[in-house]
Structures are given as C-alpha cells and as structure tokens.
C-alpha cells in the first residue's frame, strides 16, 4: 500500500475533482464503527491471523489511516465525541453511562433497573449531533447497532436526528439473547423488542442496514453502523462474560485456534473470589476473531450493495474502532489496551474510502482524530455547521488526498485521574497504569520514558494540558456529569 505523496497527487486530485463534478449530487455516507477491535486486528493493519477480506478490500480502494486517534479510551465518550465533533469534556459525556453492580454479579430485579444511572443518564439535549445537521441537507439517517448515549426517549436516536433505529442503547449485550446482564435491551425506534431473540446480533444489524439502503438508495443517506463486535458479551455467566461471541461457521475458519481451545480455572474476585471453570486464552481469542470475521462478512454485503447499485463511487465509507482493543484483542505494536492512555487505548485502525475524491490504496500517517469526522462530513456534503457551536476538529479530506499536511498538532485525553497529551510527536502519560514522556517518532511502543532527559518537553506538554483543561472548564457546561 502506497504512502501519500504531496507532489504526485495534483493530477490525481484534478481527475477526482472532475469525477465528483460529473456525479453532480451529494455523497452518501456509511460510518462503520467496531467495538474494542485491536490495532492489528485486521489483515490490512498487519495481522496474518485474522480474516478480514472485505475490510482489506475497502483499504485497497481507499486510504488507510495509521496515525488516527479517538477522543477517549472506552465506549460512551468516544462515541459522543464522534457524533458531536467535540471533546468529551466539552460535550458533557466524559465518562461511561453504565452501572457497576453487574460487575459484581448482581442481577437487577424487575423495576429496580429503571432507577439506575445507565437508565436515566444521557447526552445533553443541547448537543447537536451529526444526523441533525445532515437532515437539513436532505439526508435520511439511520443507526443500526450500539447507540450508548442514553435510553430515555429524549436521548434515543430518533430524538437526536436519526430517522430509523434498531439496536441497543447501553454499552453491551449478549450477542444472542440481546439482554444486558439479564435485562432485554434491543430497541426498534422508541420501544424495546424481543422479536429477534436468539438471532446473532451482527446479522440483525446487517439485515436492517440493507433494508435501509434499499429504501433510501435514491436519495442522499447517512448509514451509521456501530457494531458491538468484538466487545465482550454482557452476560452474568462467568463462562460467557467478558468474551466476544461468534457463530460456529466463522470459528471454523480458524482450525489452529480451535485445536488449542480448552478451559482453565479462574478466581473472580468481584464474584466473591469464587473459582470458575472458564474458556482458556485460545477459546477467548477464537470467539474474538470469529466475531470480527462475521462483522467483516456483513460489511462486505453492505459494500456489495453499494457496488451493485452504482453508489460506491460517490459514497464516503469510514471505518474505525471506537477505542483500543480489549480482552482478546491484538494491539501490536502499541503499548496498553482499552481504558488506558497509552497508544493501545486510543490509537485505532481507520479506513476512509470515497472513490470520487480520494486516491485508492494509499496510507496516510498524518496525525488525525475522530474529532475530524464531523467537520469533514459537513464539508463533504456542503452542510452548514451548527451556528455558535465550537467544533474541535477540521476537514481532513485535503489531508487524505495528499494535498495538505494535517492541522492537528495536539490532542488531549482525560479519564478520571488518568491524563495524556500529544503535542507534535511527543506524548505524555500520567496514569494508574504508568507514567512517562515518549517520542513517538522513535518509540511507538512507549518503552523509553524521557521525562528525566527532556524536562523542558515534559513541562511544555503539561502546560498545554493545563491550558486545555482551562478551556474545557470555561466551555458552557453540559450534563450529565458537570454541575450547572
């Protein structure tokens, strides 16, 4: 895969611009998000184990982003930032909307669950999300999969600009029962449904996506497809909990892993230090890779629909993981994983394809983030950005074309007491999992702490972080966490 070159791109850009003008209509948008997928959990990102032929094909037809970050190292705030184009600390969702009692094996009684935080918390209603902006430009918008920004009607997708919703509203479910720790959690629009219980949820999200595309293919559309794969199943049973779930036919594609599948004894401290017989490492990895391959297969059907109906040329397809890989994921060569401030928690695989405007088979190593997605799509469809709303990103299309360098010079993260800043090629981490100053040009794996050798750089990054914190504190406060 070639690296983008500014000098060689001018003729290509002219040809693509002419192609875009000849199409003469707004581009369609397909935004696909996987859940807890590792940095190396795609063939096109270096894995020789995992089978992702359709995502690999997507990368061959577009641009692979190798220096791409999300705004938070776990689910809810990362997704809120993606859809708002704003730092979690600015849009108000800077922590998880979830309950901790099930972490200790507790199953909510009928009626008890309704008063818990993951039932009443949600993204501030004053925040303007991407589908609301696109609707003003005539787009039909749908989400099929993981919402994660609130369960009450005022928070659900149809109240936030989407026209169609089938999926779940909190951080995870069982792939087959669609229950969250025993509570039915699948929605169609505003109502819960158990109609499809027993059917693998990736297949259901694929089904709904294809239905929407058939219905809306003759007008501009925005399809948001946030799969829950390969997130661990939200099931209280220790044998199931924490691991992904895969159909048998996809696990059969990995005979070497299948040969090593077994069980092991594990003491679960949060379950009263009881010891359980649970799947071993190979078994957990098998479920993980199988779920990714099943998701890849569904993505392939979406891409095939676009090709069949001659929509691919002018459809922007973006794929990314919501945060770094967790559980059985492979984040090599990055340090850390989901929930952490090291690269393995916040640097994610990303692919962007738009044949009418972007080159094929290129790799972009420019510093970019998920905060760029909202303004990029606004520019692409010539939609007016929300008036009076501070966005934290910029249009990255010229960067992906090889026409310009990235405007992104710095990025900041905070998860409770854990902090991180990247300024240029320097990265500072202060967290419960470790601290340090790292030169990412030479040390992508964050092995050598340069704090003592470069105190002036350390001070600079801490000062920039302090300035960012002040900016976030001075922003108009948003719920549900801030006091206002």
Protein backbone atom coordinates (compact mmCIF):
# COMPACT_ATOMS: atom_id res chain seq x y z
CA UNK A 1 0.00 0.00 0.00
CA UNK A 2 1.49 3.32 -1.09
CA UNK A 3 2.14 6.30 1.18
CA UNK A 4 0.56 9.61 0.25
CA UNK A 5 2.88 11.98 -1.61
CA UNK A 6 2.00 15.66 -1.91
CA UNK A 7 3.87 16.22 -5.18
CA UNK A 8 2.45 13.27 -7.08
CA UNK A 9 -1.16 13.90 -6.10
CA UNK A 10 -2.05 17.01 -8.16
CA UNK A 11 -3.08 15.25 -11.40
CA UNK A 12 -4.95 12.61 -9.44
CA UNK A 13 -6.79 15.29 -7.48
CA UNK A 14 -7.79 17.08 -10.67
CA UNK A 15 -9.17 13.86 -12.10
CA UNK A 16 -11.09 13.09 -8.92
CA UNK A 17 -12.49 16.62 -8.74
CA UNK A 18 -13.73 16.30 -12.33
CA UNK A 19 -15.30 12.95 -11.42
CA UNK A 20 -17.06 14.50 -8.43
CA UNK A 21 -18.41 17.36 -10.52
CA UNK A 22 -19.69 14.93 -13.14
CA UNK A 23 -21.61 12.98 -10.49
CA UNK A 24 -23.39 16.19 -9.52
CA UNK A 25 -25.05 15.04 -6.29
CA UNK A 26 -24.39 14.93 -2.59
CA UNK A 27 -22.27 11.98 -1.44
CA UNK A 28 -23.82 9.23 0.61
CA UNK A 29 -22.21 8.37 3.96
CA UNK A 30 -21.61 4.99 5.60
CA UNK A 31 -19.93 5.28 9.02
CA UNK A 32 -18.94 1.89 10.44
CA UNK A 33 -17.63 1.51 14.00
CA UNK A 34 -16.35 -1.70 15.53
CA UNK A 35 -16.19 -2.17 19.31
CA UNK A 36 -12.88 -2.81 21.12
CA UNK A 37 -11.08 -4.03 17.99
CA UNK A 38 -7.31 -4.09 18.32
CA UNK A 39 -4.93 -2.01 16.23
CA UNK A 40 -3.62 -5.14 14.48
CA UNK A 41 -6.95 -6.96 14.28
CA UNK A 42 -7.26 -6.50 10.51
CA UNK A 43 -5.30 -8.08 7.71
CA UNK A 44 -4.57 -4.66 6.20
CA UNK A 45 -3.13 -3.48 9.53
CA UNK A 46 -0.63 -6.31 9.70
CA UNK A 47 -2.39 -9.37 11.08
CA UNK A 48 -1.51 -12.69 9.47
CA UNK A 49 -4.08 -14.44 11.66
CA UNK A 50 -7.40 -12.64 11.47
CA UNK A 51 -9.52 -12.88 8.34
CA UNK A 52 -10.97 -9.54 7.20
CA UNK A 53 -11.09 -9.74 3.38
CA UNK A 54 -13.81 -7.10 2.95
CA UNK A 55 -12.16 -4.51 5.18
CA UNK A 56 -8.86 -5.26 3.41
CA UNK A 57 -10.66 -4.65 0.10
CA UNK A 58 -12.01 -1.38 1.49
CA UNK A 59 -8.47 -0.28 2.33
CA UNK A 60 -7.25 -1.15 -1.17
CA UNK A 61 -9.92 1.15 -2.58
CA UNK A 62 -9.28 4.00 -0.18
CA UNK A 63 -6.89 5.43 2.38
CA UNK A 64 -5.60 3.61 5.45
CA UNK A 65 -5.02 5.94 8.42
CA UNK A 66 -2.22 4.66 10.65
CA UNK A 67 -1.88 7.66 13.00
CA UNK A 68 -5.52 8.05 13.97
CA UNK A 69 -6.89 8.58 17.48
CA UNK A 70 -10.23 8.53 19.24
CA UNK A 71 -11.15 11.06 21.94
CA UNK A 72 -11.47 8.63 24.88
CA UNK A 73 -10.17 5.10 25.59
CA UNK A 74 -13.60 3.46 26.06
CA UNK A 75 -17.09 3.30 24.62
CA UNK A 76 -19.52 6.06 25.58
CA UNK A 77 -17.37 9.22 25.49
CA UNK A 78 -15.62 8.08 22.32
CA UNK A 79 -18.97 7.72 20.51
CA UNK A 80 -20.30 11.01 21.87
CA UNK A 81 -17.21 12.82 20.57
CA UNK A 82 -17.51 11.14 17.17
CA UNK A 83 -21.13 12.23 16.66
CA UNK A 84 -20.72 15.74 18.11
CA UNK A 85 -17.27 16.64 16.80
CA UNK A 86 -16.39 17.88 20.29
CA UNK A 87 -14.12 16.76 23.10
CA UNK A 88 -15.92 14.65 25.72
CA UNK A 89 -15.13 17.35 28.29
CA UNK A 90 -16.87 19.91 26.08
CA UNK A 91 -19.97 17.89 25.10
CA UNK A 92 -20.53 16.61 28.64
CA UNK A 93 -20.10 12.85 28.09
CA UNK A 94 -16.66 12.40 29.65
CA UNK A 95 -17.35 9.15 31.46
CA UNK A 96 -19.35 5.97 30.98
CA UNK A 97 -23.13 5.70 31.23
CA UNK A 98 -23.17 2.29 32.89
CA UNK A 99 -23.92 0.55 36.16
CA UNK A 100 -21.22 -1.15 38.20
CA UNK A 101 -23.38 -3.59 40.19
CA UNK A 102 -23.35 -6.27 37.42
CA UNK A 103 -19.53 -6.20 37.60
CA UNK A 104 -20.01 -7.94 40.94
CA UNK A 105 -22.50 -10.48 39.60
CA UNK A 106 -25.63 -8.60 40.64
CA UNK A 107 -28.80 -9.06 38.58
CA UNK A 108 -31.33 -6.26 38.82
CA UNK A 109 -34.84 -7.12 39.95
CA UNK A 110 -37.90 -6.17 37.94
CA UNK A 111 -38.47 -2.43 38.34
CA UNK A 112 -35.17 -1.85 40.14
CA UNK A 113 -33.14 -1.26 36.98
CA UNK A 114 -35.29 1.70 35.92
CA UNK A 115 -33.84 3.99 38.58
CA UNK A 116 -30.18 3.29 37.86
CA UNK A 117 -27.78 5.67 36.13
CA UNK A 118 -27.49 3.78 32.86
CA UNK A 119 -31.27 4.12 32.53
CA UNK A 120 -31.51 7.83 33.33
CA UNK A 121 -28.18 9.22 32.04
CA UNK A 122 -27.76 10.52 28.51
CA UNK A 123 -26.11 13.08 26.26
CA UNK A 124 -27.18 16.65 26.97
CA UNK A 125 -30.13 17.56 24.76
CA UNK A 126 -28.47 20.84 23.79
CA UNK A 127 -25.72 19.00 21.93
CA UNK A 128 -26.20 18.97 18.15
CA UNK A 129 -25.29 15.64 16.59
CA UNK A 130 -24.26 14.83 13.03
CA UNK A 131 -27.63 13.47 11.75
CA UNK A 132 -29.38 16.68 12.84
CA UNK A 133 -27.03 18.69 10.63
CA UNK A 134 -27.34 16.27 7.71
CA UNK A 135 -31.14 16.30 7.91
CA UNK A 136 -31.11 19.99 6.97
CA UNK A 137 -29.34 18.99 3.75
CA UNK A 138 -32.00 16.40 2.89
CA UNK A 139 -30.32 13.27 4.25
CA UNK A 140 -32.13 10.21 5.53
CA UNK A 141 -30.24 8.91 8.58
CA UNK A 142 -30.29 5.57 10.36
CA UNK A 143 -28.37 3.80 13.10
CA UNK A 144 -28.24 0.03 13.50
CA UNK A 145 -26.21 -1.27 16.42
CA UNK A 146 -24.79 0.29 19.57
CA UNK A 147 -26.11 3.75 20.49
CA UNK A 148 -24.66 4.22 24.00
CA UNK A 149 -25.85 7.81 24.58
CA UNK A 150 -28.97 7.31 26.67
CA UNK A 151 -32.10 5.17 26.96
CA UNK A 152 -34.89 7.63 27.76
CA UNK A 153 -36.92 8.79 24.75
CA UNK A 154 -35.38 12.27 24.80
CA UNK A 155 -31.93 10.67 24.45
CA UNK A 156 -32.66 7.92 21.90
CA UNK A 157 -31.56 8.27 18.25
CA UNK A 158 -34.93 9.39 16.85
CA UNK A 159 -34.82 12.37 19.23
CA UNK A 160 -31.27 13.22 18.05
CA UNK A 161 -31.75 13.48 14.29
CA UNK A 162 -31.94 9.86 13.14
CA UNK A 163 -34.96 8.59 11.19
CA UNK A 164 -34.55 4.89 11.96
CA UNK A 165 -33.05 2.90 14.84
CA UNK A 166 -32.64 -0.78 15.57
CA UNK A 167 -30.11 -1.72 18.20
CA UNK A 168 -29.26 -1.32 21.85
CA UNK A 169 -28.76 1.80 23.92
CA UNK A 170 -26.13 0.85 26.52
CA UNK A 171 -22.55 -0.35 26.40
CA UNK A 172 -23.06 -4.04 25.68
CA UNK A 173 -25.42 -7.00 25.25
CA UNK A 174 -25.31 -10.75 24.82
CA UNK A 175 -24.98 -11.39 21.06
CA UNK A 176 -27.86 -13.90 21.02
CA UNK A 177 -30.27 -13.04 23.84
CA UNK A 178 -29.83 -9.28 23.29
CA UNK A 179 -30.00 -8.89 27.06
CA UNK A 180 -27.74 -6.70 29.15
CA UNK A 181 -26.97 -8.73 32.25
CA UNK A 182 -30.40 -10.32 32.09
CA UNK A 183 -32.35 -7.21 31.04
CA UNK A 184 -33.88 -7.21 27.49
CA UNK A 185 -32.10 -4.34 25.72
CA UNK A 186 -32.84 -4.36 21.98
CA UNK A 187 -34.82 -1.40 20.63
CA UNK A 188 -36.73 -0.62 17.49
CA UNK A 189 -37.02 3.16 17.45
CA UNK A 190 -38.50 4.10 20.87
CA UNK A 191 -39.59 0.65 22.08
CA UNK A 192 -37.79 -2.42 23.34
CA UNK A 193 -38.31 -5.60 21.34
CA UNK A 194 -37.60 -9.29 21.89
CA UNK A 195 -38.88 -10.39 18.49
CA UNK A 196 -35.45 -11.39 17.20
CA UNK A 197 -34.16 -13.01 20.39
CA UNK A 198 -31.85 -15.90 19.57
CA UNK A 199 -30.53 -14.42 16.31
CA UNK A 200 -26.88 -13.30 16.19
CA UNK A 201 -27.00 -9.54 16.50
CA UNK A 202 -24.35 -8.77 13.85
CA UNK A 203 -26.64 -10.45 11.31
CA UNK A 204 -29.56 -8.35 12.56
CA UNK A 205 -27.67 -5.09 12.15
CA UNK A 206 -26.66 -6.19 8.64
CA UNK A 207 -30.31 -7.02 7.85
CA UNK A 208 -31.53 -3.63 8.98
CA UNK A 209 -28.75 -1.78 7.17
CA UNK A 210 -29.59 -3.48 3.87
CA UNK A 211 -33.29 -2.74 4.38
CA UNK A 212 -32.49 0.94 4.91
CA UNK A 213 -30.24 1.08 1.85
CA UNK A 214 -32.90 -0.49 -0.36
CA UNK A 215 -35.41 2.00 0.97
CA UNK A 216 -33.27 5.13 0.68
CA UNK A 217 -30.85 4.40 -2.17
CA UNK A 218 -32.41 7.02 -4.45
CA UNK A 219 -31.78 9.92 -2.06
CA UNK A 220 -28.76 11.03 0.00
CA UNK A 221 -28.36 8.81 3.05
CA UNK A 222 -26.30 8.55 6.21
CA UNK A 223 -25.94 5.00 7.49
CA UNK A 224 -24.33 4.74 10.94
CA UNK A 225 -23.42 1.13 11.63
CA UNK A 226 -21.84 0.77 15.09
CA UNK A 227 -21.43 -2.98 15.60
CA UNK A 228 -20.95 -4.40 19.09
CA UNK A 229 -18.38 -6.86 17.75
CA UNK A 230 -15.89 -7.77 19.08
CA UNK A 231 -16.92 -6.34 22.51
CA UNK A 232 -17.34 -8.87 25.31
CA UNK A 233 -20.82 -10.22 25.89
CA UNK A 234 -22.72 -8.52 28.73
CA UNK A 235 -23.77 -11.74 30.42
CA UNK A 236 -23.54 -12.50 34.15
CA UNK A 237 -22.43 -16.10 33.47
CA UNK A 238 -18.62 -16.14 34.03
CA UNK A 239 -18.28 -18.70 31.22
CA UNK A 240 -19.69 -16.20 28.72
CA UNK A 241 -18.97 -12.83 30.28
CA UNK A 242 -16.13 -10.71 29.01
CA UNK A 243 -15.56 -12.63 25.79
CA UNK A 244 -16.94 -12.00 22.33
CA UNK A 245 -19.38 -14.45 20.75
CA UNK A 246 -19.03 -15.89 17.27
CA UNK A 247 -21.13 -18.13 15.03
CA UNK A 248 -19.71 -21.62 14.57
CA UNK A 249 -19.16 -21.16 10.84
CA UNK A 250 -16.79 -18.28 11.45
CA UNK A 251 -14.90 -20.07 14.21
CA UNK A 252 -14.42 -22.97 11.78
CA UNK A 253 -12.20 -20.67 9.70
CA UNK A 254 -9.57 -20.81 12.46
CA UNK A 255 -8.60 -24.52 12.87
CA UNK A 256 -5.28 -23.72 14.58
CA UNK A 257 -7.06 -21.82 17.34
CA UNK A 258 -9.78 -24.47 17.55
CA UNK A 259 -7.11 -27.10 18.19
CA UNK A 260 -5.97 -25.21 21.30
CA UNK A 261 -9.43 -24.48 22.73
CA UNK A 262 -9.95 -25.62 26.29
CA UNK A 263 -10.83 -24.42 29.77
CA UNK A 264 -9.00 -23.09 32.79
CA UNK A 265 -9.75 -22.30 36.42
CA UNK A 266 -10.14 -18.64 37.26
CA UNK A 267 -10.93 -16.90 40.51
CA UNK A 268 -13.27 -13.96 40.00
CA UNK A 269 -12.63 -11.54 42.86
CA UNK A 270 -15.66 -9.40 42.10
CA UNK A 271 -17.84 -12.51 42.32
CA UNK A 272 -16.79 -13.10 45.93
CA UNK A 273 -13.44 -14.69 45.00
CA UNK A 274 -15.21 -17.78 43.71
CA UNK A 275 -13.39 -20.07 41.29
CA UNK A 276 -15.00 -20.94 37.96
CA UNK A 277 -14.11 -23.13 35.00
CA UNK A 278 -13.94 -20.72 32.06
CA UNK A 279 -12.69 -20.69 28.43
CA UNK A 280 -8.92 -20.56 28.07
CA UNK A 281 -6.96 -17.91 26.16
CA UNK A 282 -7.24 -19.71 22.81
CA UNK A 283 -11.00 -20.11 23.24
CA UNK A 284 -11.43 -16.42 24.02
CA UNK A 285 -9.30 -15.44 21.05
CA UNK A 286 -11.30 -17.79 18.81
CA UNK A 287 -14.59 -16.12 19.77
CA UNK A 288 -12.97 -12.71 19.24
CA UNK A 289 -11.55 -13.35 15.77
CA UNK A 290 -14.70 -15.19 14.71
CA UNK A 291 -16.83 -12.21 15.70
CA UNK A 292 -14.57 -9.88 13.71
CA UNK A 293 -14.76 -12.09 10.64
CA UNK A 294 -18.57 -12.28 10.99
CA UNK A 295 -18.67 -8.48 11.17
CA UNK A 296 -16.36 -8.26 8.16
CA UNK A 297 -18.72 -10.52 6.20
CA UNK A 298 -21.64 -8.22 7.00
CA UNK A 299 -19.60 -5.18 5.98
CA UNK A 300 -18.86 -6.97 2.72
CA UNK A 301 -22.58 -7.25 1.99
CA UNK A 302 -23.04 -3.53 2.58
CA UNK A 303 -20.16 -2.75 0.23
CA UNK A 304 -21.54 -5.16 -2.38
CA UNK A 305 -24.90 -3.40 -2.27
CA UNK A 306 -23.19 -0.08 -2.97
CA UNK A 307 -21.33 -1.59 -5.92
CA UNK A 308 -24.39 -3.35 -7.33
CA UNK A 309 -26.47 -0.17 -7.31
CA UNK A 310 -23.62 2.01 -8.63
CA UNK A 311 -23.46 4.00 -5.39
CA UNK A 312 -19.88 3.21 -4.35
CA UNK A 313 -18.21 5.94 -6.41
CA UNK A 314 -19.89 8.75 -4.50
CA UNK A 315 -20.31 7.13 -1.09
CA UNK A 316 -17.97 8.08 1.75
CA UNK A 317 -17.24 4.94 3.76
CA UNK A 318 -15.43 5.40 7.06
CA UNK A 319 -14.39 2.51 9.29
CA UNK A 320 -12.82 2.78 12.73
CA UNK A 321 -12.76 1.12 16.13
CA UNK A 322 -14.34 3.08 18.99
CA UNK A 323 -11.22 2.65 21.15
CA UNK A 324 -8.22 0.43 21.56
CA UNK A 325 -8.61 -3.31 21.71
CA UNK A 326 -9.63 -5.00 24.94
CA UNK A 327 -9.89 -8.58 26.13
CA UNK A 328 -8.51 -10.95 23.48
CA UNK A 329 -7.51 -8.13 21.08
CA UNK A 330 -4.14 -7.71 19.38
CA UNK A 331 -2.82 -4.13 19.69
CA UNK A 332 0.73 -4.81 18.48
CA UNK A 333 3.00 -2.82 18.29
CA UNK A 334 1.22 -0.47 20.68
CA UNK A 335 1.50 -0.46 24.47
CA UNK A 336 -1.62 -0.87 26.56
CA UNK A 337 -5.22 -1.51 25.67
CA UNK A 338 -8.80 -0.32 26.11
CA UNK A 339 -9.26 2.05 29.03
CA UNK A 340 -5.63 3.15 29.08
CA UNK A 341 -3.89 6.34 27.98
CA UNK A 342 -1.08 4.54 26.20
CA UNK A 343 -1.33 4.23 22.43
CA UNK A 344 -3.07 0.86 22.66
CA UNK A 345 -6.06 2.52 24.29
CA UNK A 346 -6.54 5.50 21.99
CA UNK A 347 -4.84 4.88 18.62
CA UNK A 348 -7.17 2.83 16.42
CA UNK A 349 -7.36 1.40 12.89
CA UNK A 350 -9.22 3.64 10.46
CA UNK A 351 -10.04 3.41 6.75
CA UNK A 352 -11.68 6.05 4.56
CA UNK A 353 -12.90 5.38 1.02
CA UNK A 354 -14.51 7.90 -1.35
CA UNK A 355 -13.60 6.96 -4.93
CA UNK A 356 -14.89 10.23 -6.38
CA UNK A 357 -12.48 12.27 -4.28
CA UNK A 358 -9.81 10.09 -2.65
CA UNK A 359 -6.97 8.02 -4.06
CA UNK A 360 -7.02 4.23 -3.78
CA UNK A 361 -4.54 2.03 -1.97
CA UNK A 362 -2.81 4.82 -0.06
CA UNK A 363 -1.58 5.03 3.53
CA UNK A 364 -1.82 8.28 5.48
CA UNK A 365 0.41 8.63 8.55
CA UNK A 366 -0.68 12.19 9.35
CA UNK A 367 -1.84 12.97 12.90
CA UNK A 368 -5.67 12.79 12.73
CA UNK A 369 -8.52 12.02 15.13
CA UNK A 370 -12.19 11.10 15.32
CA UNK A 371 -12.91 14.77 16.08
CA UNK A 372 -12.23 15.41 12.40
CA UNK A 373 -15.12 13.22 11.20
CA UNK A 374 -18.00 15.64 11.95
CA UNK A 375 -16.49 18.71 10.21
CA UNK A 376 -15.18 16.54 7.36
CA UNK A 377 -18.64 15.20 6.56
CA UNK A 378 -20.19 18.66 6.88
CA UNK A 379 -17.74 19.98 4.30
CA UNK A 380 -18.20 16.97 2.04
CA UNK A 381 -21.96 17.45 1.79
CA UNK A 382 -21.77 21.27 1.97
CA UNK A 383 -23.90 21.30 5.10
CA UNK A 384 -23.84 24.30 7.37
CA UNK A 385 -22.05 23.66 10.63
CA UNK A 386 -24.09 24.33 13.77
CA UNK A 387 -24.16 28.04 14.50
CA UNK A 388 -22.41 29.06 17.68
CA UNK A 389 -21.04 25.56 18.32
CA UNK A 390 -17.31 25.11 18.86
CA UNK A 391 -16.07 22.07 16.94
CA UNK A 392 -12.73 20.57 17.91
CA UNK A 393 -11.73 19.17 14.52
CA UNK A 394 -11.36 20.15 10.87
CA UNK A 395 -11.95 18.88 7.33
CA UNK A 396 -9.41 16.10 6.76
CA UNK A 397 -10.23 15.38 3.10
CA UNK A 398 -7.33 17.54 1.75
CA UNK A 399 -5.00 15.60 4.07
CA UNK A 400 -6.29 12.24 2.82
CA UNK A 401 -5.89 13.46 -0.75
CA UNK A 402 -2.23 14.18 -0.06
CA UNK A 403 -2.86 17.85 -0.78
CA UNK A 404 -2.13 19.27 2.69
CA UNK A 405 -0.46 18.36 5.95
CA UNK A 406 -2.69 17.78 8.94
CA UNK A 407 -3.71 20.79 11.02
CA UNK A 408 -3.76 18.55 14.06
CA UNK A 409 -0.80 19.49 16.24
CA UNK A 410 -2.08 18.39 19.62
CA UNK A 411 -4.66 16.20 21.33
CA UNK A 412 -5.62 15.71 24.97
CA UNK A 413 -7.31 12.96 26.94
CA UNK A 414 -8.57 12.54 30.48
CA UNK A 415 -10.34 9.61 32.10
CA UNK A 416 -10.91 10.38 35.76
CA UNK A 417 -7.38 10.64 37.22
CA UNK A 418 -5.64 9.37 34.08
CA UNK A 419 -4.27 12.03 31.72
CA UNK A 420 -2.45 12.17 28.41
CA UNK A 421 -1.34 14.75 25.87
CA UNK A 422 0.17 14.52 22.45
CA UNK A 423 1.89 17.62 21.08
CA UNK A 424 3.61 17.08 17.75
CA UNK A 425 5.46 13.77 18.04
CA UNK A 426 5.71 13.97 21.84
CA UNK A 427 3.37 12.06 24.15
CA UNK A 428 2.92 12.45 27.91
CA UNK A 429 1.02 9.97 30.07
CA UNK A 430 0.17 10.21 33.75
CA UNK A 431 -1.99 7.30 34.85
CA UNK A 432 -2.58 4.48 37.26
CA UNK A 433 -1.06 2.10 34.67
CA UNK A 434 2.16 4.08 34.31
CA UNK A 435 3.67 7.47 33.53
CA UNK A 436 6.14 8.83 31.05
CA UNK A 437 7.22 11.10 28.23
CA UNK A 438 7.69 9.40 24.88
CA UNK A 439 8.99 10.33 21.43
CA UNK A 440 6.51 8.58 19.14
CA UNK A 441 8.73 9.05 16.08
CA UNK A 442 11.26 6.63 17.55
CA UNK A 443 9.26 4.84 20.22
CA UNK A 444 5.73 3.99 19.07
CA UNK A 445 5.57 1.26 21.72
CA UNK A 446 6.22 3.81 24.50
CA UNK A 447 9.02 1.84 26.11
CA UNK A 448 11.52 4.59 26.94
CA UNK A 449 10.48 7.31 29.39
CA UNK A 450 12.32 10.53 28.51
CA UNK A 451 10.96 12.62 31.39
CA UNK A 452 14.35 12.95 33.09
CA UNK A 453 16.23 13.56 29.83
CA UNK A 454 13.85 16.15 28.39
CA UNK A 455 12.28 18.05 31.31
CA UNK A 456 11.60 21.09 29.12
CA UNK A 457 9.43 18.98 26.77
CA UNK A 458 7.64 17.44 29.73
CA UNK A 459 6.86 20.90 31.10
CA UNK A 460 5.59 22.05 27.70
CA UNK A 461 3.16 19.16 27.41
CA UNK A 462 1.92 19.60 30.97
CA UNK A 463 1.42 23.31 30.33
CA UNK A 464 -0.53 22.61 27.13
CA UNK A 465 -2.67 20.10 29.03
CA UNK A 466 -3.36 22.70 31.73
CA UNK A 467 -4.41 25.21 29.05
CA UNK A 468 -6.75 22.63 27.54
CA UNK A 469 -8.25 21.86 30.94
CA UNK A 470 -8.97 25.55 31.44
CA UNK A 471 -10.59 25.79 28.01
CA UNK A 472 -12.82 22.82 28.80
CA UNK A 473 -13.74 24.25 32.21
CA UNK A 474 -14.62 27.60 30.62
CA UNK A 475 -16.89 25.98 28.00
CA UNK A 476 -20.64 26.14 28.53
CA UNK A 477 -21.32 23.21 30.90
CA UNK A 478 -23.13 20.14 29.66
CA UNK A 479 -24.72 17.22 31.55
CA UNK A 480 -24.85 14.60 32.81
CA UNK A 481 -21.65 14.89 34.85
CA UNK A 482 -20.96 18.62 35.16
CA UNK A 483 -22.66 20.77 37.77
CA UNK A 484 -24.60 23.68 36.26
